[in-house]
Amino acid sequence: MKKVKFVDVETAPAIDDTTNVHKKHTVQSSPQSAQFVVSAIGSNRQHQLYNLDFKFSDRHIDPVLPIPLQVLFQDVVCSAPSKVIQLSGWSFTHHDSKLRILKSIAEACKDTVESLSMDYCCGLDLENDLDILRGRLTKLKKLSLAGLARQASKSTNKDFNAPFGPSAAVIVCSLRSITSLNLSDNAFTDSKSLFVSISETLLNLKSIFLVRCDGILDSCLRSLGQCIQRFRRLGSIDLSYCSTDFGDDGLVDLVSAVSNHTYNINMNAISNYITSAMQGI
C-alpha cells in the first residue's frame, strides 16, 4: 500500500529522514494560490530511491493523482525495471496514467517482472485494460489481483470494478509461468470457464488464494482437483470465508484428487463443509 502525506510546505516543520519522509523546503506561494506537496512513498520497495514529491495548486487539485512511472523501476530515472511491482491500492481512474503504466509493464518490464500486485485497485476495466498484458510477462511468478472484481452491491463507489468475466479469465490464464495466484475478494460471473482454463493452462501453479470469493461452484473445485492430478504441482488452496455456492459434490471431488499428494486446503469459516459426505472421506 502507498503512504500518502499531505504537507503544507509553508508551515510544516522539516521532517527527519528517519521517518522515511525527505525534508521539505519552503515553497514560495502567491497570495492567490497556496502550494502543497504530496509525498508518495513505496512501502515495499527494495531500494531507498523511491520518494516522490508532487506539487500542485489548490486551484487545480486533481482528486486522482497520476501513478508515477517510477513505481515500476528500481531507479528514479526509469532505466532498470523492477522484479517486484507493487501497485496495490492505486487508483487507475486517471486515464493517461493508466495507459502509460500498463503499457510500460507490458513492454519495458515484460522480461524482468516476477511479482505483480494490483490488489484493491480501482478504475480498471478487467475485460479490456488488462488485455495489453496477455501473454507478455514471461517471467512472472506471482500474480495478485485481490479485490479487483467486487460486486457492485457492496459499494456505491463508481470506481469499483465489474466482476470477473470470460475475457479477464483468458488474460490471467495466458500468464502461464505463474506459480502463485491470488484472486481473493472477487466476484466471478463465469467461474466455470475460469477454473477450467486454470486447470488446463497454468501448469506451474503451486498455490491459489480464493478468500472471501463469490461464485465458486462445485465445478470450480472439480477443476482444481483436475489441475492437481494433471500437473502434480498445485499444493495449496485457500477457500476460507468463501460464500456457500458449492457443496458436497465439489468438495468430495477436490479432496479425492489430493488424497495421494501433500496438500494444504484452508476451509476456515465455511459452514457447509462438515457434512456426511466429507466425513466419509
C-alpha atoms as a PDB file:
ATOM      1  CA  MET A   1       0.000   0.000   0.000  1.00  0.00           C
ATOM      2  CA  LYS A   2       1.132   3.560  -0.590  1.00  0.00           C
ATOM      3  CA  LYS A   3       1.549   6.077   2.196  1.00  0.00           C
ATOM      4  CA  VAL A   4       0.382   9.496   1.067  1.00  0.00           C
ATOM      5  CA  LYS A   5       1.177  12.502   3.206  1.00  0.00           C
ATOM      6  CA  PHE A   6      -0.168  15.981   2.540  1.00  0.00           C
ATOM      7  CA  VAL A   7       2.142  18.714   3.788  1.00  0.00           C
ATOM      8  CA  ASP A   8       1.561  22.447   3.800  1.00  0.00           C
ATOM      9  CA  VAL A   9       5.130  23.433   2.995  1.00  0.00           C
ATOM     10  CA  GLU A  10       4.623  26.991   4.215  1.00  0.00           C
ATOM     11  CA  THR A  11       4.065  25.886   7.787  1.00  0.00           C
ATOM     12  CA  ALA A  12       5.236  22.293   8.085  1.00  0.00           C
ATOM     13  CA  PRO A  13       8.456  21.673  10.032  1.00  0.00           C
ATOM     14  CA  ALA A  14      11.288  19.747   8.461  1.00  0.00           C
ATOM     15  CA  ILE A  15      10.845  16.007   8.907  1.00  0.00           C
ATOM     16  CA  ASP A  16      13.873  13.892   9.623  1.00  0.00           C
ATOM     17  CA  ASP A  17      14.829  11.189   7.109  1.00  0.00           C
ATOM     18  CA  THR A  18      14.455   8.511   9.762  1.00  0.00           C
ATOM     19  CA  THR A  19      10.682   8.786   9.302  1.00  0.00           C
ATOM     20  CA  ASN A  20      11.050   7.821   5.599  1.00  0.00           C
ATOM     21  CA  VAL A  21       9.974  11.311   4.509  1.00  0.00           C
ATOM     22  CA  HIS A  22      12.577  13.601   2.986  1.00  0.00           C
ATOM     23  CA  LYS A  23      12.923  17.105   4.409  1.00  0.00           C
ATOM     24  CA  LYS A  24      10.657  19.606   2.701  1.00  0.00           C
ATOM     25  CA  HIS A  25      11.923  23.000   1.631  1.00  0.00           C
ATOM     26  CA  THR A  26       9.703  26.068   1.774  1.00  0.00           C
ATOM     27  CA  VAL A  27       7.985  26.854  -1.500  1.00  0.00           C
ATOM     28  CA  GLN A  28       7.182  30.475  -2.337  1.00  0.00           C
ATOM     29  CA  SER A  29       3.450  30.800  -2.871  1.00  0.00           C
ATOM     30  CA  SER A  30       1.415  33.635  -4.228  1.00  0.00           C
ATOM     31  CA  PRO A  31      -1.397  35.214  -2.162  1.00  0.00           C
ATOM     32  CA  GLN A  32      -3.953  33.884  -4.609  1.00  0.00           C
ATOM     33  CA  SER A  33      -2.883  30.254  -4.546  1.00  0.00           C
ATOM     34  CA  ALA A  34      -1.452  28.068  -1.774  1.00  0.00           C
ATOM     35  CA  GLN A  35       1.118  25.425  -2.619  1.00  0.00           C
ATOM     36  CA  PHE A  36       1.105  21.884  -1.301  1.00  0.00           C
ATOM     37  CA  VAL A  37       3.357  18.860  -1.598  1.00  0.00           C
ATOM     38  CA  VAL A  38       2.244  15.269  -1.834  1.00  0.00           C
ATOM     39  CA  SER A  39       4.873  12.731  -0.849  1.00  0.00           C
ATOM     40  CA  ALA A  40       4.189   9.202  -2.111  1.00  0.00           C
ATOM     41  CA  ILE A  41       6.391   6.582  -0.554  1.00  0.00           C
ATOM     42  CA  GLY A  42       6.542   2.922  -1.580  1.00  0.00           C
ATOM     43  CA  SER A  43       6.253   0.723   1.493  1.00  0.00           C
ATOM     44  CA  ASN A  44       7.623  -2.491  -0.003  1.00  0.00           C
ATOM     45  CA  ARG A  45      10.483  -1.254  -2.127  1.00  0.00           C
ATOM     46  CA  GLN A  46      13.892  -2.932  -2.100  1.00  0.00           C
ATOM     47  CA  HIS A  47      15.735   0.334  -2.565  1.00  0.00           C
ATOM     48  CA  GLN A  48      15.773   3.792  -1.000  1.00  0.00           C
ATOM     49  CA  LEU A  49      15.275   5.917  -4.108  1.00  0.00           C
ATOM     50  CA  TYR A  50      11.520   5.835  -4.354  1.00  0.00           C
ATOM     51  CA  ASN A  51      10.338   9.005  -2.641  1.00  0.00           C
ATOM     52  CA  LEU A  52       8.464  11.272  -4.996  1.00  0.00           C
ATOM     53  CA  ASP A  53       7.055  14.746  -4.441  1.00  0.00           C
ATOM     54  CA  PHE A  54       4.205  16.228  -6.475  1.00  0.00           C
ATOM     55  CA  LYS A  55       3.450  19.934  -6.224  1.00  0.00           C
ATOM     56  CA  PHE A  56       0.091  21.347  -7.192  1.00  0.00           C
ATOM     57  CA  SER A  57      -2.069  24.362  -6.544  1.00  0.00           C
ATOM     58  CA  ASP A  58      -5.285  24.292  -4.564  1.00  0.00           C
ATOM     59  CA  ARG A  59      -6.928  25.915  -7.575  1.00  0.00           C
ATOM     60  CA  HIS A  60      -6.167  22.952  -9.808  1.00  0.00           C
ATOM     61  CA  ILE A  61      -6.318  19.993  -7.472  1.00  0.00           C
ATOM     62  CA  ASP A  62      -6.933  16.742  -9.339  1.00  0.00           C
ATOM     63  CA  PRO A  63      -8.718  14.382  -6.926  1.00  0.00           C
ATOM     64  CA  VAL A  64      -6.839  11.473  -8.524  1.00  0.00           C
ATOM     65  CA  LEU A  65      -3.046  11.609  -8.572  1.00  0.00           C
ATOM     66  CA  PRO A  66      -1.461  10.030 -11.661  1.00  0.00           C
ATOM     67  CA  ILE A  67       0.597   6.962 -10.855  1.00  0.00           C
ATOM     68  CA  PRO A  68       4.317   7.801 -11.071  1.00  0.00           C
ATOM     69  CA  LEU A  69       6.187   5.686 -13.608  1.00  0.00           C
ATOM     70  CA  GLN A  70       8.985   5.216 -11.071  1.00  0.00           C
ATOM     71  CA  VAL A  71       6.943   2.586  -9.188  1.00  0.00           C
ATOM     72  CA  LEU A  72       7.849   0.148 -11.976  1.00  0.00           C
ATOM     73  CA  PHE A  73      11.596   0.694 -11.792  1.00  0.00           C
ATOM     74  CA  GLN A  74      14.480   0.314  -9.373  1.00  0.00           C
ATOM     75  CA  ASP A  75      15.743   3.838 -10.038  1.00  0.00           C
ATOM     76  CA  VAL A  76      14.174   7.265 -10.383  1.00  0.00           C
ATOM     77  CA  VAL A  77      15.347   7.672 -13.992  1.00  0.00           C
ATOM     78  CA  CYS A  78      13.406   4.561 -15.057  1.00  0.00           C
ATOM     79  CA  SER A  79      16.324   2.664 -16.568  1.00  0.00           C
ATOM     80  CA  ALA A  80      16.212  -0.554 -14.519  1.00  0.00           C
ATOM     81  CA  PRO A  81      12.835  -2.369 -14.472  1.00  0.00           C
ATOM     82  CA  SER A  82      11.909  -3.840 -11.111  1.00  0.00           C
ATOM     83  CA  LYS A  83      11.367  -7.531 -10.495  1.00  0.00           C
ATOM     84  CA  VAL A  84       8.661  -6.705  -7.936  1.00  0.00           C
ATOM     85  CA  ILE A  85       5.881  -4.306  -8.986  1.00  0.00           C
ATOM     86  CA  GLN A  86       3.574  -3.193  -6.182  1.00  0.00           C
ATOM     87  CA  LEU A  87       0.527  -1.229  -7.385  1.00  0.00           C
ATOM     88  CA  SER A  88      -1.903  -2.290  -4.662  1.00  0.00           C
ATOM     89  CA  GLY A  89      -4.328   0.427  -3.651  1.00  0.00           C
ATOM     90  CA  TRP A  90      -3.588   2.816  -6.504  1.00  0.00           C
ATOM     91  CA  SER A  91      -6.421   4.407  -8.463  1.00  0.00           C
ATOM     92  CA  PHE A  92      -6.380   3.897 -12.225  1.00  0.00           C
ATOM     93  CA  THR A  93      -9.096   6.444 -12.948  1.00  0.00           C
ATOM     94  CA  HIS A  94      -6.534   8.881 -14.374  1.00  0.00           C
ATOM     95  CA  HIS A  95      -6.815   7.689 -17.997  1.00  0.00           C
ATOM     96  CA  ASP A  96      -3.441   8.780 -19.381  1.00  0.00           C
ATOM     97  CA  SER A  97      -1.592   7.449 -16.346  1.00  0.00           C
ATOM     98  CA  LYS A  98      -3.373   4.103 -16.613  1.00  0.00           C
ATOM     99  CA  LEU A  99      -2.384   3.627 -20.240  1.00  0.00           C
ATOM    100  CA  ARG A 100       1.202   4.637 -19.559  1.00  0.00           C
ATOM    101  CA  ILE A 101       1.590   2.293 -16.589  1.00  0.00           C
ATOM    102  CA  LEU A 102       0.031  -0.752 -18.253  1.00  0.00           C
ATOM    103  CA  LYS A 103       1.974  -0.186 -21.478  1.00  0.00           C
ATOM    104  CA  SER A 104       5.239   0.111 -19.547  1.00  0.00           C
ATOM    105  CA  ILE A 105       4.545  -3.127 -17.680  1.00  0.00           C
ATOM    106  CA  ALA A 106       3.817  -4.919 -20.951  1.00  0.00           C
ATOM    107  CA  GLU A 107       6.859  -3.545 -22.762  1.00  0.00           C
ATOM    108  CA  ALA A 108       9.651  -2.280 -20.506  1.00  0.00           C
ATOM    109  CA  CYS A 109       9.069  -4.778 -17.693  1.00  0.00           C
ATOM    110  CA  LYS A 110       7.921  -7.853 -19.593  1.00  0.00           C
ATOM    111  CA  ASP A 111      11.211  -9.749 -19.314  1.00  0.00           C
ATOM    112  CA  THR A 112      12.054  -8.803 -15.723  1.00  0.00           C
ATOM    113  CA  VAL A 113       8.950  -8.653 -13.525  1.00  0.00           C
ATOM    114  CA  GLU A 114       8.489 -11.716 -11.325  1.00  0.00           C
ATOM    115  CA  SER A 115       5.818 -10.403  -8.961  1.00  0.00           C
ATOM    116  CA  LEU A 116       2.879  -8.141  -9.858  1.00  0.00           C
ATOM    117  CA  SER A 117       0.405  -6.987  -7.199  1.00  0.00           C
ATOM    118  CA  MET A 118      -2.659  -4.942  -8.141  1.00  0.00           C
ATOM    119  CA  ASP A 119      -4.810  -5.682  -5.089  1.00  0.00           C
ATOM    120  CA  TYR A 120      -7.804  -3.416  -4.440  1.00  0.00           C
ATOM    121  CA  CYS A 121      -7.029  -1.019  -7.273  1.00  0.00           C
ATOM    122  CA  CYS A 122      -9.999   0.825  -8.711  1.00  0.00           C
ATOM    123  CA  GLY A 123     -10.732   2.180 -12.165  1.00  0.00           C
ATOM    124  CA  LEU A 124      -9.572  -0.920 -14.059  1.00  0.00           C
ATOM    125  CA  ASP A 125     -11.676  -2.498 -16.777  1.00  0.00           C
ATOM    126  CA  LEU A 126     -10.587  -6.107 -16.364  1.00  0.00           C
ATOM    127  CA  GLU A 127     -12.139  -7.133 -19.660  1.00  0.00           C
ATOM    128  CA  ASN A 128     -10.213  -4.556 -21.704  1.00  0.00           C
ATOM    129  CA  ASP A 129      -7.470  -2.697 -19.812  1.00  0.00           C
ATOM    130  CA  LEU A 130      -5.508  -5.798 -18.818  1.00  0.00           C
ATOM    131  CA  ASP A 131      -5.608  -7.231 -22.337  1.00  0.00           C
ATOM    132  CA  ILE A 132      -2.312  -5.466 -23.058  1.00  0.00           C
ATOM    133  CA  LEU A 133      -0.648  -7.865 -20.591  1.00  0.00           C
ATOM    134  CA  ARG A 134      -1.917 -11.006 -22.282  1.00  0.00           C
ATOM    135  CA  GLY A 135       0.939 -13.484 -22.635  1.00  0.00           C
ATOM    136  CA  ARG A 136       3.581 -10.751 -22.261  1.00  0.00           C
ATOM    137  CA  LEU A 137       5.059 -11.298 -18.795  1.00  0.00           C
ATOM    138  CA  THR A 138       7.213 -14.333 -19.486  1.00  0.00           C
ATOM    139  CA  LYS A 139       8.972 -14.479 -16.086  1.00  0.00           C
ATOM    140  CA  LEU A 140       6.003 -13.657 -13.869  1.00  0.00           C
ATOM    141  CA  LYS A 141       5.781 -15.999 -10.872  1.00  0.00           C
ATOM    142  CA  LYS A 142       3.378 -14.227  -8.515  1.00  0.00           C
ATOM    143  CA  LEU A 143       0.165 -12.510  -9.635  1.00  0.00           C
ATOM    144  CA  SER A 144      -2.102 -10.886  -7.061  1.00  0.00           C
ATOM    145  CA  LEU A 145      -5.451  -9.414  -8.153  1.00  0.00           C
ATOM    146  CA  ALA A 146      -7.325  -9.467  -4.850  1.00  0.00           C
ATOM    147  CA  GLY A 147     -10.401  -7.260  -4.649  1.00  0.00           C
ATOM    148  CA  LEU A 148     -10.291  -6.158  -8.282  1.00  0.00           C
ATOM    149  CA  ALA A 149     -13.717  -7.515  -9.167  1.00  0.00           C
ATOM    150  CA  ARG A 150     -16.119  -6.812  -6.339  1.00  0.00           C
ATOM    151  CA  GLN A 151     -19.870  -6.968  -6.545  1.00  0.00           C
ATOM    152  CA  ALA A 152     -21.493  -3.607  -7.219  1.00  0.00           C
ATOM    153  CA  SER A 153     -23.943  -4.162  -4.365  1.00  0.00           C
ATOM    154  CA  LYS A 154     -21.097  -3.964  -1.842  1.00  0.00           C
ATOM    155  CA  SER A 155     -20.333  -0.336  -2.640  1.00  0.00           C
ATOM    156  CA  THR A 156     -21.775   2.637  -4.438  1.00  0.00           C
ATOM    157  CA  ASN A 157     -18.285   3.819  -5.423  1.00  0.00           C
ATOM    158  CA  LYS A 158     -18.366   4.313  -9.188  1.00  0.00           C
ATOM    159  CA  ASP A 159     -14.680   3.412  -9.418  1.00  0.00           C
ATOM    160  CA  PHE A 160     -15.209  -0.163  -8.262  1.00  0.00           C
ATOM    161  CA  ASN A 161     -14.596  -2.694 -10.995  1.00  0.00           C
ATOM    162  CA  ALA A 162     -17.023  -5.091 -12.607  1.00  0.00           C
ATOM    163  CA  PRO A 163     -16.982  -8.802 -11.676  1.00  0.00           C
ATOM    164  CA  PHE A 164     -14.522 -11.209 -13.282  1.00  0.00           C
ATOM    165  CA  GLY A 165     -15.750 -12.142 -16.748  1.00  0.00           C
ATOM    166  CA  PRO A 166     -14.613 -14.514 -19.517  1.00  0.00           C
ATOM    167  CA  SER A 167     -12.094 -12.105 -21.077  1.00  0.00           C
ATOM    168  CA  ALA A 168     -10.384 -11.431 -17.749  1.00  0.00           C
ATOM    169  CA  ALA A 169     -10.087 -15.182 -17.215  1.00  0.00           C
ATOM    170  CA  VAL A 170      -8.359 -15.614 -20.592  1.00  0.00           C
ATOM    171  CA  ILE A 171      -5.877 -12.845 -19.744  1.00  0.00           C
ATOM    172  CA  VAL A 172      -4.974 -14.356 -16.365  1.00  0.00           C
ATOM    173  CA  CYS A 173      -4.519 -17.838 -17.805  1.00  0.00           C
ATOM    174  CA  SER A 174      -2.295 -16.531 -20.609  1.00  0.00           C
ATOM    175  CA  LEU A 175       0.415 -15.837 -17.999  1.00  0.00           C
ATOM    176  CA  ARG A 176       1.475 -19.466 -17.843  1.00  0.00           C
ATOM    177  CA  SER A 177       4.636 -19.052 -15.796  1.00  0.00           C
ATOM    178  CA  ILE A 178       2.866 -18.018 -12.586  1.00  0.00           C
ATOM    179  CA  THR A 179       3.265 -20.236  -9.521  1.00  0.00           C
ATOM    180  CA  SER A 180       1.117 -18.206  -7.102  1.00  0.00           C
ATOM    181  CA  LEU A 181      -2.286 -16.696  -7.956  1.00  0.00           C
ATOM    182  CA  ASN A 182      -4.304 -14.545  -5.570  1.00  0.00           C
ATOM    183  CA  LEU A 183      -7.923 -13.917  -6.620  1.00  0.00           C
ATOM    184  CA  SER A 184      -9.310 -13.265  -3.134  1.00  0.00           C
ATOM    185  CA  ASP A 185     -12.233 -10.883  -2.525  1.00  0.00           C
ATOM    186  CA  ASN A 186     -13.504 -11.185  -6.084  1.00  0.00           C
ATOM    187  CA  ALA A 187     -16.884 -11.951  -7.607  1.00  0.00           C
ATOM    188  CA  PHE A 188     -16.973 -14.261 -10.639  1.00  0.00           C
ATOM    189  CA  THR A 189     -19.619 -14.135 -13.352  1.00  0.00           C
ATOM    190  CA  ASP A 190     -18.237 -17.132 -15.266  1.00  0.00           C
ATOM    191  CA  SER A 191     -16.249 -19.053 -12.702  1.00  0.00           C
ATOM    192  CA  LYS A 192     -16.665 -22.366 -14.511  1.00  0.00           C
ATOM    193  CA  SER A 193     -14.689 -21.299 -17.599  1.00  0.00           C
ATOM    194  CA  LEU A 194     -12.076 -19.532 -15.447  1.00  0.00           C
ATOM    195  CA  PHE A 195     -11.258 -22.613 -13.406  1.00  0.00           C
ATOM    196  CA  VAL A 196     -11.341 -24.900 -16.427  1.00  0.00           C
ATOM    197  CA  SER A 197      -8.735 -22.620 -18.018  1.00  0.00           C
ATOM    198  CA  ILE A 198      -6.656 -22.641 -14.828  1.00  0.00           C
ATOM    199  CA  SER A 199      -6.719 -26.431 -14.716  1.00  0.00           C
ATOM    200  CA  GLU A 200      -5.651 -26.725 -18.354  1.00  0.00           C
ATOM    201  CA  THR A 201      -3.065 -23.954 -18.769  1.00  0.00           C
ATOM    202  CA  LEU A 202      -1.352 -22.981 -15.509  1.00  0.00           C
ATOM    203  CA  LEU A 203       0.998 -25.940 -15.375  1.00  0.00           C
ATOM    204  CA  ASN A 204       3.378 -24.278 -12.866  1.00  0.00           C
ATOM    205  CA  LEU A 205       0.705 -23.190 -10.371  1.00  0.00           C
ATOM    206  CA  LYS A 206       1.607 -24.155  -6.793  1.00  0.00           C
ATOM    207  CA  SER A 207      -0.804 -22.050  -4.726  1.00  0.00           C
ATOM    208  CA  ILE A 208      -4.118 -20.264  -5.270  1.00  0.00           C
ATOM    209  CA  PHE A 209      -5.919 -17.927  -2.858  1.00  0.00           C
ATOM    210  CA  LEU A 210      -9.709 -17.578  -3.098  1.00  0.00           C
ATOM    211  CA  VAL A 211     -10.510 -15.989   0.274  1.00  0.00           C
ATOM    212  CA  ARG A 212     -13.999 -14.413   0.532  1.00  0.00           C
ATOM    213  CA  CYS A 213     -14.834 -15.061  -3.128  1.00  0.00           C
ATOM    214  CA  ASP A 214     -18.351 -15.157  -4.552  1.00  0.00           C
ATOM    215  CA  GLY A 215     -19.338 -17.533  -7.333  1.00  0.00           C
ATOM    216  CA  ILE A 216     -17.093 -20.524  -6.509  1.00  0.00           C
ATOM    217  CA  LEU A 217     -19.144 -23.526  -7.682  1.00  0.00           C
ATOM    218  CA  ASP A 218     -18.785 -27.303  -7.426  1.00  0.00           C
ATOM    219  CA  SER A 219     -17.393 -27.304 -10.954  1.00  0.00           C
ATOM    220  CA  CYS A 220     -14.616 -24.905  -9.848  1.00  0.00           C
ATOM    221  CA  LEU A 221     -13.426 -27.244  -7.115  1.00  0.00           C
ATOM    222  CA  ARG A 222     -13.611 -30.149  -9.554  1.00  0.00           C
ATOM    223  CA  SER A 223     -11.375 -28.230 -11.957  1.00  0.00           C
ATOM    224  CA  LEU A 224      -8.839 -27.512  -9.204  1.00  0.00           C
ATOM    225  CA  GLY A 225      -8.768 -31.229  -8.469  1.00  0.00           C
ATOM    226  CA  GLN A 226      -8.089 -31.910 -12.142  1.00  0.00           C
ATOM    227  CA  CYS A 227      -5.283 -29.339 -12.085  1.00  0.00           C
ATOM    228  CA  ILE A 228      -3.659 -31.223  -9.203  1.00  0.00           C
ATOM    229  CA  GLN A 229      -3.960 -34.551 -10.980  1.00  0.00           C
ATOM    230  CA  ARG A 230      -2.778 -33.179 -14.326  1.00  0.00           C
ATOM    231  CA  PHE A 231       0.337 -31.189 -13.341  1.00  0.00           C
ATOM    232  CA  ARG A 232       1.132 -32.501  -9.830  1.00  0.00           C
ATOM    233  CA  ARG A 233       2.224 -29.047  -8.611  1.00  0.00           C
ATOM    234  CA  LEU A 234      -0.767 -27.323  -7.012  1.00  0.00           C
ATOM    235  CA  GLY A 235      -0.382 -27.981  -3.297  1.00  0.00           C
ATOM    236  CA  SER A 236      -2.050 -25.048  -1.502  1.00  0.00           C
ATOM    237  CA  ILE A 237      -5.655 -23.862  -1.894  1.00  0.00           C
ATOM    238  CA  ASP A 238      -7.240 -21.229   0.358  1.00  0.00           C
ATOM    239  CA  LEU A 239     -11.052 -21.235   0.304  1.00  0.00           C
ATOM    240  CA  SER A 240     -11.561 -19.586   3.692  1.00  0.00           C
ATOM    241  CA  TYR A 241     -14.606 -17.335   4.164  1.00  0.00           C
ATOM    242  CA  CYS A 242     -15.958 -18.146   0.691  1.00  0.00           C
ATOM    243  CA  SER A 243     -19.683 -17.864   0.105  1.00  0.00           C
ATOM    244  CA  THR A 244     -21.530 -21.168   0.183  1.00  0.00           C
ATOM    245  CA  ASP A 245     -22.038 -21.530  -3.575  1.00  0.00           C
ATOM    246  CA  PHE A 246     -20.525 -25.013  -3.573  1.00  0.00           C
ATOM    247  CA  GLY A 247     -21.485 -28.149  -1.702  1.00  0.00           C
ATOM    248  CA  ASP A 248     -20.627 -31.773  -1.063  1.00  0.00           C
ATOM    249  CA  ASP A 249     -20.013 -32.825  -4.658  1.00  0.00           C
ATOM    250  CA  GLY A 250     -17.306 -30.252  -5.377  1.00  0.00           C
ATOM    251  CA  LEU A 251     -15.550 -30.764  -2.046  1.00  0.00           C
ATOM    252  CA  VAL A 252     -15.529 -34.537  -2.449  1.00  0.00           C
ATOM    253  CA  ASP A 253     -14.044 -34.229  -5.943  1.00  0.00           C
ATOM    254  CA  LEU A 254     -11.337 -31.836  -4.706  1.00  0.00           C
ATOM    255  CA  VAL A 255     -10.317 -33.808  -1.624  1.00  0.00           C
ATOM    256  CA  SER A 256     -10.375 -37.080  -3.555  1.00  0.00           C
ATOM    257  CA  ALA A 257      -7.994 -35.606  -6.125  1.00  0.00           C
ATOM    258  CA  VAL A 258      -5.415 -34.658  -3.500  1.00  0.00           C
ATOM    259  CA  SER A 259      -5.711 -37.800  -1.388  1.00  0.00           C
ATOM    260  CA  ASN A 260      -2.409 -39.178  -2.670  1.00  0.00           C
ATOM    261  CA  HIS A 261      -0.445 -35.911  -2.528  1.00  0.00           C
ATOM    262  CA  THR A 262       0.891 -33.498   0.054  1.00  0.00           C
ATOM    263  CA  TYR A 263      -1.521 -30.574   0.103  1.00  0.00           C
ATOM    264  CA  ASN A 264      -2.930 -27.740   2.171  1.00  0.00           C
ATOM    265  CA  ILE A 265      -6.597 -26.792   1.785  1.00  0.00           C
ATOM    266  CA  ASN A 266      -7.834 -23.980   4.028  1.00  0.00           C
ATOM    267  CA  MET A 267     -11.599 -24.091   4.502  1.00  0.00           C
ATOM    268  CA  ASN A 268     -11.780 -21.875   7.568  1.00  0.00           C
ATOM    269  CA  ALA A 269     -15.216 -20.367   8.297  1.00  0.00           C
ATOM    270  CA  ILE A 270     -17.011 -22.369   5.609  1.00  0.00           C
ATOM    271  CA  SER A 271     -20.124 -23.587   7.371  1.00  0.00           C
ATOM    272  CA  ASN A 272     -21.187 -26.199   4.831  1.00  0.00           C
ATOM    273  CA  TYR A 273     -18.070 -28.313   4.531  1.00  0.00           C
ATOM    274  CA  ILE A 274     -18.508 -30.581   7.565  1.00  0.00           C
ATOM    275  CA  THR A 275     -21.098 -32.910   6.107  1.00  0.00           C
ATOM    276  CA  SER A 276     -21.731 -36.630   5.990  1.00  0.00           C
ATOM    277  CA  ALA A 277     -20.110 -36.763   2.566  1.00  0.00           C
ATOM    278  CA  MET A 278     -16.894 -35.161   3.850  1.00  0.00           C
ATOM    279  CA  GLN A 279     -16.846 -37.307   6.982  1.00  0.00           C
ATOM    280  CA  GLY A 280     -16.843 -40.386   4.798  1.00  0.00           C
ATOM    281  CA  ILE A 281     -13.560 -39.465   3.092  1.00  0.00           C
END
